[in-house]
Amino acid sequence: MGGASRQRCRTHYAANLMAVCPKHARPGVKAMLHSVYDQPDAKAVHAQFDKLLDTVADKLPEVHDHLDEARADILAFTAFPKEIWRQIWSNNPNERLNREIRRRTDVVGIFP
């Protein structure tokens, strides 16, 4: 991609992660993942992510590997100022807008 980074939507990533996580561990893993996003700065986000990886390494190796592989994609937002993190770590607003456009064009029916 020539130096460009890709930010994965954290909501969709959490759903993907839960698919490889055993049911009994899902609440804990999800809470730890959310704690990563709640950190005050980029350094703390990466430190908390490392802590998450250490926590799941032995008991949940598949979850560890999934997280480790996705690290660059789910933490890409940390390269930007904290003030805009909320706008870039999820694509749900874009999806909502696209869904609304589809709904309105279906109602009007002017687009083939």
PDB file of N, CA and C in Angstrom:
ATOM      1  N   MET A   1       0.810  -1.190   0.000  1.00  0.00           N
ATOM      2  CA  MET A   1       0.000   0.000   0.000  1.00  0.00           C
ATOM      3  C   MET A   1       0.854   1.254   0.000  1.00  0.00           C
ATOM      4  N   GLY A   2       2.111   1.143  -0.061  1.00  0.00           N
ATOM      5  CA  GLY A   2       2.962   2.300  -0.201  1.00  0.00           C
ATOM      6  C   GLY A   2       2.987   3.212   1.004  1.00  0.00           C
ATOM      7  N   GLY A   3       3.144   2.674   2.217  1.00  0.00           N
ATOM      8  CA  GLY A   3       3.261   3.498   3.395  1.00  0.00           C
ATOM      9  C   GLY A   3       1.939   3.860   4.047  1.00  0.00           C
ATOM     10  N   ALA A   4       0.842   3.560   3.407  1.00  0.00           N
ATOM     11  CA  ALA A   4      -0.460   3.858   3.992  1.00  0.00           C
ATOM     12  C   ALA A   4      -0.827   2.775   4.991  1.00  0.00           C
ATOM     13  N   SER A   5      -1.458   3.191   6.076  1.00  0.00           N
ATOM     14  CA  SER A   5      -1.898   2.204   7.048  1.00  0.00           C
ATOM     15  C   SER A   5      -3.403   2.009   6.925  1.00  0.00           C
ATOM     16  N   ARG A   6      -3.851   0.880   7.393  1.00  0.00           N
ATOM     17  CA  ARG A   6      -5.271   0.534   7.307  1.00  0.00           C
ATOM     18  C   ARG A   6      -5.788   0.409   8.721  1.00  0.00           C
ATOM     19  N   GLN A   7      -6.823   1.156   9.061  1.00  0.00           N
ATOM     20  CA  GLN A   7      -7.444   1.062  10.377  1.00  0.00           C
ATOM     21  C   GLN A   7      -8.663   0.164  10.278  1.00  0.00           C
ATOM     22  N   ARG A   8      -8.628  -0.947  10.995  1.00  0.00           N
ATOM     23  CA  ARG A   8      -9.796  -1.824  11.032  1.00  0.00           C
ATOM     24  C   ARG A   8     -10.793  -1.284  12.030  1.00  0.00           C
ATOM     25  N   CYS A   9     -12.040  -1.403  11.719  1.00  0.00           N
ATOM     26  CA  CYS A   9     -13.105  -0.988  12.627  1.00  0.00           C
ATOM     27  C   CYS A   9     -13.015  -1.833  13.893  1.00  0.00           C
ATOM     28  N   ARG A  10     -12.980  -1.183  15.035  1.00  0.00           N
ATOM     29  CA  ARG A  10     -12.809  -1.939  16.276  1.00  0.00           C
ATOM     30  C   ARG A  10     -14.028  -2.798  16.594  1.00  0.00           C
ATOM     31  N   THR A  11     -15.203  -2.366  16.211  1.00  0.00           N
ATOM     32  CA  THR A  11     -16.407  -3.150  16.460  1.00  0.00           C
ATOM     33  C   THR A  11     -16.382  -4.438  15.643  1.00  0.00           C
ATOM     34  N   HIS A  12     -16.044  -4.306  14.365  1.00  0.00           N
ATOM     35  CA  HIS A  12     -15.992  -5.491  13.509  1.00  0.00           C
ATOM     36  C   HIS A  12     -14.827  -6.401  13.893  1.00  0.00           C
ATOM     37  N   TYR A  13     -13.715  -5.809  14.316  1.00  0.00           N
ATOM     38  CA  TYR A  13     -12.600  -6.650  14.740  1.00  0.00           C
ATOM     39  C   TYR A  13     -12.979  -7.448  15.982  1.00  0.00           C
ATOM     40  N   ALA A  14     -13.673  -6.812  16.927  1.00  0.00           N
ATOM     41  CA  ALA A  14     -14.074  -7.518  18.148  1.00  0.00           C
ATOM     42  C   ALA A  14     -14.951  -8.722  17.803  1.00  0.00           C
ATOM     43  N   ALA A  15     -15.839  -8.551  16.829  1.00  0.00           N
ATOM     44  CA  ALA A  15     -16.687  -9.672  16.403  1.00  0.00           C
ATOM     45  C   ALA A  15     -15.838 -10.789  15.803  1.00  0.00           C
ATOM     46  N   ASN A  16     -14.844 -10.430  14.996  1.00  0.00           N
ATOM     47  CA  ASN A  16     -13.954 -11.433  14.407  1.00  0.00           C
ATOM     48  C   ASN A  16     -13.152 -12.155  15.484  1.00  0.00           C
ATOM     49  N   LEU A  17     -12.699 -11.402  16.478  1.00  0.00           N
ATOM     50  CA  LEU A  17     -11.914 -11.997  17.564  1.00  0.00           C
ATOM     51  C   LEU A  17     -12.771 -12.953  18.391  1.00  0.00           C
ATOM     52  N   MET A  18     -14.012 -12.579  18.649  1.00  0.00           N
ATOM     53  CA  MET A  18     -14.892 -13.439  19.446  1.00  0.00           C
ATOM     54  C   MET A  18     -15.172 -14.763  18.739  1.00  0.00           C
ATOM     55  N   ALA A  19     -15.065 -14.781  17.426  1.00  0.00           N
ATOM     56  CA  ALA A  19     -15.286 -16.019  16.675  1.00  0.00           C
ATOM     57  C   ALA A  19     -14.205 -17.065  16.971  1.00  0.00           C
ATOM     58  N   VAL A  20     -13.002 -16.631  17.337  1.00  0.00           N
ATOM     59  CA  VAL A  20     -11.933 -17.586  17.650  1.00  0.00           C
ATOM     60  C   VAL A  20     -11.738 -17.765  19.154  1.00  0.00           C
ATOM     61  N   CYS A  21     -12.497 -17.030  19.928  1.00  0.00           N
ATOM     62  CA  CYS A  21     -12.374 -17.065  21.385  1.00  0.00           C
ATOM     63  C   CYS A  21     -13.375 -18.062  21.970  1.00  0.00           C
ATOM     64  N   PRO A  22     -12.943 -18.903  22.901  1.00  0.00           N
ATOM     65  CA  PRO A  22     -13.899 -19.811  23.551  1.00  0.00           C
ATOM     66  C   PRO A  22     -14.979 -19.015  24.287  1.00  0.00           C
ATOM     67  N   LYS A  23     -16.195 -19.545  24.314  1.00  0.00           N
ATOM     68  CA  LYS A  23     -17.322 -18.816  24.906  1.00  0.00           C
ATOM     69  C   LYS A  23     -17.062 -18.392  26.351  1.00  0.00           C
ATOM     70  N   HIS A  24     -16.432 -19.254  27.130  1.00  0.00           N
ATOM     71  CA  HIS A  24     -16.220 -18.938  28.544  1.00  0.00           C
ATOM     72  C   HIS A  24     -15.265 -17.757  28.739  1.00  0.00           C
ATOM     73  N   ALA A  25     -14.413 -17.489  27.751  1.00  0.00           N
ATOM     74  CA  ALA A  25     -13.414 -16.430  27.890  1.00  0.00           C
ATOM     75  C   ALA A  25     -13.827 -15.124  27.217  1.00  0.00           C
ATOM     76  N   ARG A  26     -14.918 -15.130  26.483  1.00  0.00           N
ATOM     77  CA  ARG A  26     -15.314 -13.945  25.709  1.00  0.00           C
ATOM     78  C   ARG A  26     -15.492 -12.682  26.543  1.00  0.00           C
ATOM     79  N   PRO A  27     -16.217 -12.709  27.653  1.00  0.00           N
ATOM     80  CA  PRO A  27     -16.392 -11.460  28.415  1.00  0.00           C
ATOM     81  C   PRO A  27     -15.064 -10.849  28.874  1.00  0.00           C
ATOM     82  N   GLY A  28     -14.152 -11.673  29.350  1.00  0.00           N
ATOM     83  CA  GLY A  28     -12.861 -11.175  29.815  1.00  0.00           C
ATOM     84  C   GLY A  28     -12.007 -10.617  28.692  1.00  0.00           C
ATOM     85  N   VAL A  29     -11.962 -11.329  27.582  1.00  0.00           N
ATOM     86  CA  VAL A  29     -11.165 -10.879  26.439  1.00  0.00           C
ATOM     87  C   VAL A  29     -11.734  -9.576  25.878  1.00  0.00           C
ATOM     88  N   LYS A  30     -13.043  -9.505  25.787  1.00  0.00           N
ATOM     89  CA  LYS A  30     -13.683  -8.298  25.265  1.00  0.00           C
ATOM     90  C   LYS A  30     -13.408  -7.105  26.181  1.00  0.00           C
ATOM     91  N   ALA A  31     -13.489  -7.322  27.490  1.00  0.00           N
ATOM     92  CA  ALA A  31     -13.206  -6.243  28.447  1.00  0.00           C
ATOM     93  C   ALA A  31     -11.753  -5.780  28.334  1.00  0.00           C
ATOM     94  N   MET A  32     -10.835  -6.727  28.182  1.00  0.00           N
ATOM     95  CA  MET A  32      -9.425  -6.349  28.040  1.00  0.00           C
ATOM     96  C   MET A  32      -9.182  -5.594  26.738  1.00  0.00           C
ATOM     97  N   LEU A  33      -9.851  -6.022  25.664  1.00  0.00           N
ATOM     98  CA  LEU A  33      -9.696  -5.328  24.388  1.00  0.00           C
ATOM     99  C   LEU A  33     -10.215  -3.893  24.505  1.00  0.00           C
ATOM    100  N   HIS A  34     -11.348  -3.709  25.161  1.00  0.00           N
ATOM    101  CA  HIS A  34     -11.888  -2.356  25.337  1.00  0.00           C
ATOM    102  C   HIS A  34     -10.970  -1.506  26.214  1.00  0.00           C
ATOM    103  N   SER A  35     -10.287  -2.136  27.171  1.00  0.00           N
ATOM    104  CA  SER A  35      -9.363  -1.376  28.018  1.00  0.00           C
ATOM    105  C   SER A  35      -8.206  -0.807  27.201  1.00  0.00           C
ATOM    106  N   VAL A  36      -7.875  -1.458  26.099  1.00  0.00           N
ATOM    107  CA  VAL A  36      -6.826  -0.946  25.210  1.00  0.00           C
ATOM    108  C   VAL A  36      -7.266   0.397  24.633  1.00  0.00           C
ATOM    109  N   TYR A  37      -8.508   0.480  24.190  1.00  0.00           N
ATOM    110  CA  TYR A  37      -9.009   1.708  23.568  1.00  0.00           C
ATOM    111  C   TYR A  37      -9.246   2.832  24.570  1.00  0.00           C
ATOM    112  N   ASP A  38      -9.343   2.500  25.852  1.00  0.00           N
ATOM    113  CA  ASP A  38      -9.630   3.497  26.883  1.00  0.00           C
ATOM    114  C   ASP A  38      -8.389   4.214  27.404  1.00  0.00           C
ATOM    115  N   GLN A  39      -7.244   3.934  26.861  1.00  0.00           N
ATOM    116  CA  GLN A  39      -6.004   4.524  27.363  1.00  0.00           C
ATOM    117  C   GLN A  39      -5.866   5.984  26.927  1.00  0.00           C
ATOM    118  N   PRO A  40      -5.134   6.791  27.722  1.00  0.00           N
ATOM    119  CA  PRO A  40      -5.059   8.236  27.467  1.00  0.00           C
ATOM    120  C   PRO A  40      -4.149   8.663  26.319  1.00  0.00           C
ATOM    121  N   ASP A  41      -3.191   7.834  25.939  1.00  0.00           N
ATOM    122  CA  ASP A  41      -2.285   8.221  24.858  1.00  0.00           C
ATOM    123  C   ASP A  41      -1.784   6.977  24.122  1.00  0.00           C
ATOM    124  N   ALA A  42      -1.084   7.222  23.018  1.00  0.00           N
ATOM    125  CA  ALA A  42      -0.639   6.126  22.155  1.00  0.00           C
ATOM    126  C   ALA A  42       0.296   5.156  22.876  1.00  0.00           C
ATOM    127  N   LYS A  43       1.198   5.687  23.673  1.00  0.00           N
ATOM    128  CA  LYS A  43       2.149   4.830  24.393  1.00  0.00           C
ATOM    129  C   LYS A  43       1.399   3.887  25.343  1.00  0.00           C
ATOM    130  N   ALA A  44       0.408   4.429  26.042  1.00  0.00           N
ATOM    131  CA  ALA A  44      -0.374   3.620  26.971  1.00  0.00           C
ATOM    132  C   ALA A  44      -1.227   2.589  26.223  1.00  0.00           C
ATOM    133  N   VAL A  45      -1.739   2.948  25.050  1.00  0.00           N
ATOM    134  CA  VAL A  45      -2.524   2.010  24.240  1.00  0.00           C
ATOM    135  C   VAL A  45      -1.659   0.804  23.888  1.00  0.00           C
ATOM    136  N   HIS A  46      -0.457   1.058  23.404  1.00  0.00           N
ATOM    137  CA  HIS A  46       0.434  -0.046  23.015  1.00  0.00           C
ATOM    138  C   HIS A  46       0.861  -0.872  24.231  1.00  0.00           C
ATOM    139  N   ALA A  47       1.097  -0.227  25.360  1.00  0.00           N
ATOM    140  CA  ALA A  47       1.469  -0.952  26.581  1.00  0.00           C
ATOM    141  C   ALA A  47       0.317  -1.848  27.041  1.00  0.00           C
ATOM    142  N   GLN A  48      -0.904  -1.338  26.987  1.00  0.00           N
ATOM    143  CA  GLN A  48      -2.071  -2.133  27.383  1.00  0.00           C
ATOM    144  C   GLN A  48      -2.299  -3.286  26.409  1.00  0.00           C
ATOM    145  N   PHE A  49      -2.032  -3.053  25.135  1.00  0.00           N
ATOM    146  CA  PHE A  49      -2.172  -4.127  24.150  1.00  0.00           C
ATOM    147  C   PHE A  49      -1.155  -5.237  24.440  1.00  0.00           C
ATOM    148  N   ASP A  50       0.079  -4.841  24.780  1.00  0.00           N
ATOM    149  CA  ASP A  50       1.090  -5.836  25.154  1.00  0.00           C
ATOM    150  C   ASP A  50       0.646  -6.634  26.376  1.00  0.00           C
ATOM    151  N   LYS A  51       0.031  -5.946  27.335  1.00  0.00           N
ATOM    152  CA  LYS A  51      -0.473  -6.616  28.535  1.00  0.00           C
ATOM    153  C   LYS A  51      -1.566  -7.613  28.168  1.00  0.00           C
ATOM    154  N   LEU A  52      -2.432  -7.229  27.247  1.00  0.00           N
ATOM    155  CA  LEU A  52      -3.479  -8.127  26.764  1.00  0.00           C
ATOM    156  C   LEU A  52      -2.862  -9.369  26.119  1.00  0.00           C
ATOM    157  N   LEU A  53      -1.859  -9.157  25.269  1.00  0.00           N
ATOM    158  CA  LEU A  53      -1.194 -10.295  24.618  1.00  0.00           C
ATOM    159  C   LEU A  53      -0.571 -11.227  25.651  1.00  0.00           C
ATOM    160  N   ASP A  54       0.085 -10.656  26.656  1.00  0.00           N
ATOM    161  CA  ASP A  54       0.701 -11.477  27.701  1.00  0.00           C
ATOM    162  C   ASP A  54      -0.348 -12.277  28.474  1.00  0.00           C
ATOM    163  N   THR A  55      -1.495 -11.660  28.711  1.00  0.00           N
ATOM    164  CA  THR A  55      -2.555 -12.311  29.484  1.00  0.00           C
ATOM    165  C   THR A  55      -3.122 -13.528  28.766  1.00  0.00           C
ATOM    166  N   VAL A  56      -3.293 -13.434  27.457  1.00  0.00           N
ATOM    167  CA  VAL A  56      -3.926 -14.535  26.712  1.00  0.00           C
ATOM    168  C   VAL A  56      -2.926 -15.519  26.104  1.00  0.00           C
ATOM    169  N   ALA A  57      -1.646 -15.221  26.187  1.00  0.00           N
ATOM    170  CA  ALA A  57      -0.630 -16.031  25.499  1.00  0.00           C
ATOM    171  C   ALA A  57      -0.685 -17.514  25.858  1.00  0.00           C
ATOM    172  N   ASP A  58      -0.747 -17.843  27.136  1.00  0.00           N
ATOM    173  CA  ASP A  58      -0.683 -19.241  27.550  1.00  0.00           C
ATOM    174  C   ASP A  58      -2.027 -19.963  27.461  1.00  0.00           C
ATOM    175  N   LYS A  59      -3.081 -19.316  27.941  1.00  0.00           N
ATOM    176  CA  LYS A  59      -4.374 -19.993  28.019  1.00  0.00           C
ATOM    177  C   LYS A  59      -5.159 -19.954  26.715  1.00  0.00           C
ATOM    178  N   LEU A  60      -4.942 -18.907  25.906  1.00  0.00           N
ATOM    179  CA  LEU A  60      -5.708 -18.745  24.663  1.00  0.00           C
ATOM    180  C   LEU A  60      -4.761 -18.427  23.497  1.00  0.00           C
ATOM    181  N   PRO A  61      -3.961 -19.397  23.073  1.00  0.00           N
ATOM    182  CA  PRO A  61      -2.966 -19.123  22.029  1.00  0.00           C
ATOM    183  C   PRO A  61      -3.566 -18.678  20.696  1.00  0.00           C
ATOM    184  N   GLU A  62      -4.755 -19.182  20.360  1.00  0.00           N
ATOM    185  CA  GLU A  62      -5.391 -18.792  19.104  1.00  0.00           C
ATOM    186  C   GLU A  62      -5.815 -17.315  19.158  1.00  0.00           C
ATOM    187  N   VAL A  63      -6.317 -16.889  20.299  1.00  0.00           N
ATOM    188  CA  VAL A  63      -6.693 -15.482  20.498  1.00  0.00           C
ATOM    189  C   VAL A  63      -5.444 -14.610  20.444  1.00  0.00           C
ATOM    190  N   HIS A  64      -4.372 -15.068  21.080  1.00  0.00           N
ATOM    191  CA  HIS A  64      -3.102 -14.332  21.058  1.00  0.00           C
ATOM    192  C   HIS A  64      -2.620 -14.123  19.631  1.00  0.00           C
ATOM    193  N   ASP A  65      -2.625 -15.188  18.849  1.00  0.00           N
ATOM    194  CA  ASP A  65      -2.158 -15.094  17.469  1.00  0.00           C
ATOM    195  C   ASP A  65      -3.034 -14.155  16.640  1.00  0.00           C
ATOM    196  N   HIS A  66      -4.342 -14.226  16.849  1.00  0.00           N
ATOM    197  CA  HIS A  66      -5.288 -13.363  16.129  1.00  0.00           C
ATOM    198  C   HIS A  66      -5.007 -11.896  16.459  1.00  0.00           C
ATOM    199  N   LEU A  67      -4.840 -11.601  17.743  1.00  0.00           N
ATOM    200  CA  LEU A  67      -4.546 -10.232  18.176  1.00  0.00           C
ATOM    201  C   LEU A  67      -3.205  -9.754  17.635  1.00  0.00           C
ATOM    202  N   ASP A  68      -2.197 -10.606  17.750  1.00  0.00           N
ATOM    203  CA  ASP A  68      -0.850 -10.229  17.325  1.00  0.00           C
ATOM    204  C   ASP A  68      -0.807  -9.924  15.831  1.00  0.00           C
ATOM    205  N   GLU A  69      -1.523 -10.732  15.050  1.00  0.00           N
ATOM    206  CA  GLU A  69      -1.548 -10.544  13.602  1.00  0.00           C
ATOM    207  C   GLU A  69      -2.266  -9.247  13.203  1.00  0.00           C
ATOM    208  N   ALA A  70      -3.273  -8.873  13.979  1.00  0.00           N
ATOM    209  CA  ALA A  70      -4.092  -7.692  13.648  1.00  0.00           C
ATOM    210  C   ALA A  70      -3.592  -6.411  14.310  1.00  0.00           C
ATOM    211  N   ARG A  71      -2.541  -6.487  15.085  1.00  0.00           N
ATOM    212  CA  ARG A  71      -2.071  -5.337  15.877  1.00  0.00           C
ATOM    213  C   ARG A  71      -1.935  -4.054  15.058  1.00  0.00           C
ATOM    214  N   ALA A  72      -1.229  -4.100  13.956  1.00  0.00           N
ATOM    215  CA  ALA A  72      -0.994  -2.885  13.158  1.00  0.00           C
ATOM    216  C   ALA A  72      -2.309  -2.302  12.644  1.00  0.00           C
ATOM    217  N   ASP A  73      -3.244  -3.174  12.266  1.00  0.00           N
ATOM    218  CA  ASP A  73      -4.516  -2.707  11.715  1.00  0.00           C
ATOM    219  C   ASP A  73      -5.446  -2.114  12.770  1.00  0.00           C
ATOM    220  N   ILE A  74      -5.463  -2.698  13.971  1.00  0.00           N
ATOM    221  CA  ILE A  74      -6.411  -2.194  14.969  1.00  0.00           C
ATOM    222  C   ILE A  74      -5.846  -1.062  15.809  1.00  0.00           C
ATOM    223  N   LEU A  75      -4.532  -0.853  15.757  1.00  0.00           N
ATOM    224  CA  LEU A  75      -3.935   0.258  16.515  1.00  0.00           C
ATOM    225  C   LEU A  75      -3.415   1.374  15.612  1.00  0.00           C
ATOM    226  N   ALA A  76      -3.792   1.359  14.357  1.00  0.00           N
ATOM    227  CA  ALA A  76      -3.335   2.399  13.423  1.00  0.00           C
ATOM    228  C   ALA A  76      -3.788   3.789  13.856  1.00  0.00           C
ATOM    229  N   PHE A  77      -4.905   3.869  14.564  1.00  0.00           N
ATOM    230  CA  PHE A  77      -5.419   5.171  15.004  1.00  0.00           C
ATOM    231  C   PHE A  77      -4.446   5.911  15.911  1.00  0.00           C
ATOM    232  N   THR A  78      -3.529   5.188  16.566  1.00  0.00           N
ATOM    233  CA  THR A  78      -2.608   5.828  17.514  1.00  0.00           C
ATOM    234  C   THR A  78      -1.577   6.718  16.829  1.00  0.00           C
ATOM    235  N   ALA A  79      -1.466   6.633  15.510  1.00  0.00           N
ATOM    236  CA  ALA A  79      -0.527   7.477  14.777  1.00  0.00           C
ATOM    237  C   ALA A  79      -1.081   8.890  14.569  1.00  0.00           C
ATOM    238  N   PHE A  80      -2.327   9.093  14.955  1.00  0.00           N
ATOM    239  CA  PHE A  80      -2.995  10.381  14.753  1.00  0.00           C
ATOM    240  C   PHE A  80      -3.242  11.061  16.097  1.00  0.00           C
ATOM    241  N   PRO A  81      -3.549  12.356  16.072  1.00  0.00           N
ATOM    242  CA  PRO A  81      -3.834  13.061  17.335  1.00  0.00           C
ATOM    243  C   PRO A  81      -5.047  12.453  18.050  1.00  0.00           C
ATOM    244  N   LYS A  82      -4.976  12.409  19.374  1.00  0.00           N
ATOM    245  CA  LYS A  82      -6.042  11.793  20.181  1.00  0.00           C
ATOM    246  C   LYS A  82      -7.409  12.414  19.918  1.00  0.00           C
ATOM    247  N   GLU A  83      -7.436  13.676  19.560  1.00  0.00           N
ATOM    248  CA  GLU A  83      -8.704  14.370  19.340  1.00  0.00           C
ATOM    249  C   GLU A  83      -9.547  13.727  18.236  1.00  0.00           C
ATOM    250  N   ILE A  84      -8.918  13.042  17.287  1.00  0.00           N
ATOM    251  CA  ILE A  84      -9.679  12.450  16.176  1.00  0.00           C
ATOM    252  C   ILE A  84      -9.771  10.927  16.247  1.00  0.00           C
ATOM    253  N   TRP A  85      -9.286  10.331  17.332  1.00  0.00           N
ATOM    254  CA  TRP A  85      -9.343   8.874  17.446  1.00  0.00           C
ATOM    255  C   TRP A  85     -10.757   8.351  17.282  1.00  0.00           C
ATOM    256  N   ARG A  86     -11.731   8.984  17.910  1.00  0.00           N
ATOM    257  CA  ARG A  86     -13.115   8.489  17.860  1.00  0.00           C
ATOM    258  C   ARG A  86     -13.656   8.455  16.433  1.00  0.00           C
ATOM    259  N   GLN A  87     -13.189   9.364  15.595  1.00  0.00           N
ATOM    260  CA  GLN A  87     -13.695   9.395  14.222  1.00  0.00           C
ATOM    261  C   GLN A  87     -13.062   8.314  13.343  1.00  0.00           C
ATOM    262  N   ILE A  88     -11.856   7.863  13.697  1.00  0.00           N
ATOM    263  CA  ILE A  88     -11.168   6.951  12.788  1.00  0.00           C
ATOM    264  C   ILE A  88     -11.097   5.506  13.260  1.00  0.00           C
ATOM    265  N   TRP A  89     -11.447   5.215  14.505  1.00  0.00           N
ATOM    266  CA  TRP A  89     -11.297   3.828  14.934  1.00  0.00           C
ATOM    267  C   TRP A  89     -12.511   2.971  14.652  1.00  0.00           C
ATOM    268  N   SER A  90     -13.536   3.533  14.050  1.00  0.00           N
ATOM    269  CA  SER A  90     -14.708   2.752  13.672  1.00  0.00           C
ATOM    270  C   SER A  90     -15.270   3.276  12.360  1.00  0.00           C
ATOM    271  N   ASN A  91     -15.799   2.390  11.561  1.00  0.00           N
ATOM    272  CA  ASN A  91     -16.438   2.836  10.325  1.00  0.00           C
ATOM    273  C   ASN A  91     -17.955   2.755  10.436  1.00  0.00           C
ATOM    274  N   ASN A  92     -18.477   2.593  11.630  1.00  0.00           N
ATOM    275  CA  ASN A  92     -19.928   2.520  11.821  1.00  0.00           C
ATOM    276  C   ASN A  92     -20.653   3.769  11.339  1.00  0.00           C
ATOM    277  N   PRO A  93     -20.132   4.999  11.575  1.00  0.00           N
ATOM    278  CA  PRO A  93     -20.830   6.175  11.030  1.00  0.00           C
ATOM    279  C   PRO A  93     -20.946   6.134   9.505  1.00  0.00           C
ATOM    280  N   ASN A  94     -19.893   5.677   8.829  1.00  0.00           N
ATOM    281  CA  ASN A  94     -19.945   5.558   7.367  1.00  0.00           C
ATOM    282  C   ASN A  94     -20.979   4.525   6.940  1.00  0.00           C
ATOM    283  N   GLU A  95     -21.017   3.409   7.641  1.00  0.00           N
ATOM    284  CA  GLU A  95     -21.995   2.375   7.309  1.00  0.00           C
ATOM    285  C   GLU A  95     -23.415   2.873   7.531  1.00  0.00           C
ATOM    286  N   ARG A  96     -23.610   3.612   8.609  1.00  0.00           N
ATOM    287  CA  ARG A  96     -24.938   4.154   8.891  1.00  0.00           C
ATOM    288  C   ARG A  96     -25.371   5.114   7.789  1.00  0.00           C
ATOM    289  N   LEU A  97     -24.447   5.968   7.343  1.00  0.00           N
ATOM    290  CA  LEU A  97     -24.746   6.903   6.259  1.00  0.00           C
ATOM    291  C   LEU A  97     -25.090   6.154   4.974  1.00  0.00           C
ATOM    292  N   ASN A  98     -24.300   5.160   4.623  1.00  0.00           N
ATOM    293  CA  ASN A  98     -24.572   4.379   3.410  1.00  0.00           C
ATOM    294  C   ASN A  98     -25.909   3.661   3.491  1.00  0.00           C
ATOM    295  N   ARG A  99     -26.234   3.119   4.671  1.00  0.00           N
ATOM    296  CA  ARG A  99     -27.514   2.442   4.852  1.00  0.00           C
ATOM    297  C   ARG A  99     -28.677   3.431   4.684  1.00  0.00           C
ATOM    298  N   GLU A 100     -28.512   4.649   5.213  1.00  0.00           N
ATOM    299  CA  GLU A 100     -29.549   5.670   5.081  1.00  0.00           C
ATOM    300  C   GLU A 100     -29.721   6.087   3.620  1.00  0.00           C
ATOM    301  N   ILE A 101     -28.627   6.214   2.898  1.00  0.00           N
ATOM    302  CA  ILE A 101     -28.705   6.561   1.468  1.00  0.00           C
ATOM    303  C   ILE A 101     -29.442   5.466   0.701  1.00  0.00           C
ATOM    304  N   ARG A 102     -29.099   4.197   0.972  1.00  0.00           N
ATOM    305  CA  ARG A 102     -29.794   3.083   0.310  1.00  0.00           C
ATOM    306  C   ARG A 102     -31.278   3.096   0.645  1.00  0.00           C
ATOM    307  N   ARG A 103     -31.610   3.341   1.904  1.00  0.00           N
ATOM    308  CA  ARG A 103     -33.013   3.365   2.313  1.00  0.00           C
ATOM    309  C   ARG A 103     -33.780   4.459   1.577  1.00  0.00           C
ATOM    310  N   ARG A 104     -33.171   5.625   1.494  1.00  0.00           N
ATOM    311  CA  ARG A 104     -33.868   6.751   0.848  1.00  0.00           C
ATOM    312  C   ARG A 104     -33.989   6.544  -0.663  1.00  0.00           C
ATOM    313  N   THR A 105     -32.970   5.999  -1.292  1.00  0.00           N
ATOM    314  CA  THR A 105     -33.066   5.764  -2.733  1.00  0.00           C
ATOM    315  C   THR A 105     -34.061   4.658  -3.042  1.00  0.00           C
ATOM    316  N   ASP A 106     -34.209   3.686  -2.163  1.00  0.00           N
ATOM    317  CA  ASP A 106     -35.224   2.643  -2.358  1.00  0.00           C
ATOM    318  C   ASP A 106     -36.615   3.227  -2.286  1.00  0.00           C
ATOM    319  N   VAL A 107     -36.823   4.151  -1.354  1.00  0.00           N
ATOM    320  CA  VAL A 107     -38.143   4.770  -1.184  1.00  0.00           C
ATOM    321  C   VAL A 107     -38.484   5.641  -2.383  1.00  0.00           C
ATOM    322  N   VAL A 108     -37.525   6.463  -2.811  1.00  0.00           N
ATOM    323  CA  VAL A 108     -37.766   7.383  -3.924  1.00  0.00           C
ATOM    324  C   VAL A 108     -37.806   6.612  -5.238  1.00  0.00           C
ATOM    325  N   GLY A 109     -36.920   5.654  -5.397  1.00  0.00           N
ATOM    326  CA  GLY A 109     -36.904   4.830  -6.593  1.00  0.00           C
ATOM    327  C   GLY A 109     -36.454   5.528  -7.855  1.00  0.00           C
ATOM    328  N   ILE A 110     -35.660   6.609  -7.730  1.00  0.00           N
ATOM    329  CA  ILE A 110     -35.250   7.334  -8.927  1.00  0.00           C
ATOM    330  C   ILE A 110     -33.944   6.827  -9.516  1.00  0.00           C
ATOM    331  N   PHE A 111     -33.236   6.001  -8.723  1.00  0.00           N
ATOM    332  CA  PHE A 111     -31.975   5.485  -9.241  1.00  0.00           C
ATOM    333  C   PHE A 111     -32.180   4.054  -9.709  1.00  0.00           C
ATOM    334  N   PRO A 112     -31.780   3.761 -10.931  1.00  0.00           N
ATOM    335  CA  PRO A 112     -31.994   2.411 -11.456  1.00  0.00           C
ATOM    336  C   PRO A 112     -31.128   1.381 -10.748  1.00  0.00           C
TER     337      PRO A 112
END
